[in-house]
Amino acid sequence: MNKIKLSNLKMPDLDIQKFGDFCRTRLTVATADTIYWLSVIILHASTVPTLLAIMSGLTEKMPSIDLVLFTWAGLSLLFVRADT
């Protein structure tokens, strides 16, 4: 079995200033947009299992209508915000 010796590995030269600038400029925007869209998808998907269970007859327990309406209204507003 081949073993790699840690003493033979070289660490690349890292410029901490360049790395910090990259994180503040490019990574922050991409991460914020990614988190935004993931939250929209997750919030939309949170109501789907309940709707499927009700439509298939597995349960008769309905979620409160105000919860569903406010969730979908808020998500629709997020979509409008993202589209502008």
Protein backbone atom coordinates (compact mmCIF):
# COMPACT_ATOMS: atom_id res chain seq x y z
CA MET A 1 0.00 0.00 0.00
CA ASN A 2 1.35 3.41 -0.94
CA LYS A 3 1.49 5.87 1.89
CA ILE A 4 1.84 9.57 1.34
CA LYS A 5 4.20 11.31 3.69
CA LEU A 6 2.89 14.60 4.94
CA SER A 7 6.40 16.03 5.00
CA ASN A 8 6.57 15.69 1.19
CA LEU A 9 3.40 17.70 0.59
CA LYS A 10 3.79 21.39 -0.10
CA MET A 11 1.13 23.91 0.78
CA PRO A 12 0.43 26.41 -1.99
CA ASP A 13 1.32 30.00 -1.32
CA LEU A 14 -1.86 31.69 -0.17
CA ASP A 15 -2.28 35.42 -0.20
CA ILE A 16 -4.65 36.07 2.67
CA GLN A 17 -5.49 39.56 1.40
CA LYS A 18 -6.55 38.27 -2.03
CA PHE A 19 -8.55 35.48 -0.43
CA GLY A 20 -10.34 37.96 1.84
CA ASP A 21 -11.11 40.27 -1.08
CA PHE A 22 -12.51 37.36 -3.08
CA CYS A 23 -14.76 36.30 -0.18
CA ARG A 24 -16.05 39.85 0.35
CA THR A 25 -16.78 40.59 -3.32
CA ARG A 26 -17.62 37.51 -5.36
CA LEU A 27 -18.40 34.78 -2.84
CA THR A 28 -20.76 36.93 -0.79
CA VAL A 29 -22.99 37.75 -3.74
CA ALA A 30 -23.10 34.17 -5.02
CA THR A 31 -23.75 32.78 -1.56
CA ALA A 32 -26.50 35.29 -0.78
CA ASP A 33 -28.26 34.55 -4.06
CA THR A 34 -27.88 30.79 -3.56
CA ILE A 35 -29.23 30.92 -0.03
CA TYR A 36 -32.12 33.10 -1.19
CA TRP A 37 -33.19 30.66 -3.91
CA LEU A 38 -32.72 27.64 -1.66
CA SER A 39 -34.96 29.24 0.94
CA VAL A 40 -37.64 29.90 -1.68
CA ILE A 41 -37.52 26.29 -2.87
CA ILE A 42 -37.56 24.85 0.65
CA LEU A 43 -40.47 27.03 1.74
CA HIS A 44 -42.48 26.09 -1.33
CA ALA A 45 -41.68 22.42 -0.83
CA SER A 46 -42.75 22.52 2.82
CA THR A 47 -46.43 22.70 1.87
CA VAL A 48 -46.30 20.03 -0.84
CA PRO A 49 -46.32 16.89 1.40
CA THR A 50 -49.41 18.10 3.25
CA LEU A 51 -51.21 18.88 0.01
CA LEU A 52 -50.31 15.47 -1.45
CA ALA A 53 -51.47 13.67 1.70
CA ILE A 54 -54.79 15.50 1.63
CA MET A 55 -55.36 14.91 -2.08
CA SER A 56 -54.55 11.19 -1.81
CA GLY A 57 -56.83 10.74 1.20
CA LEU A 58 -54.12 9.74 3.68
CA THR A 59 -55.20 12.40 6.15
CA GLU A 60 -58.14 14.66 6.74
CA LYS A 61 -56.27 17.09 8.96
CA MET A 62 -55.98 20.39 7.14
CA PRO A 63 -53.36 23.03 7.91
CA SER A 64 -54.72 26.38 8.95
CA ILE A 65 -55.59 28.42 5.90
CA ASP A 66 -53.90 31.58 7.14
CA LEU A 67 -50.58 29.76 7.47
CA VAL A 68 -50.75 28.50 3.92
CA LEU A 69 -51.96 31.81 2.48
CA PHE A 70 -49.33 33.89 4.27
CA THR A 71 -46.57 31.45 3.29
CA TRP A 72 -47.51 31.46 -0.37
CA ALA A 73 -48.11 35.23 -0.40
CA GLY A 74 -44.70 35.86 1.13
CA LEU A 75 -43.04 33.52 -1.32
CA SER A 76 -44.82 35.17 -4.22
CA LEU A 77 -43.53 38.55 -3.05
CA LEU A 78 -40.01 37.11 -2.85
CA PHE A 79 -40.41 35.91 -6.40
CA VAL A 80 -41.53 39.36 -7.57
CA ARG A 81 -38.55 40.89 -5.76
CA ALA A 82 -36.17 38.46 -7.45
CA ASP A 83 -37.70 39.07 -10.84
CA THR A 84 -37.19 42.86 -10.76
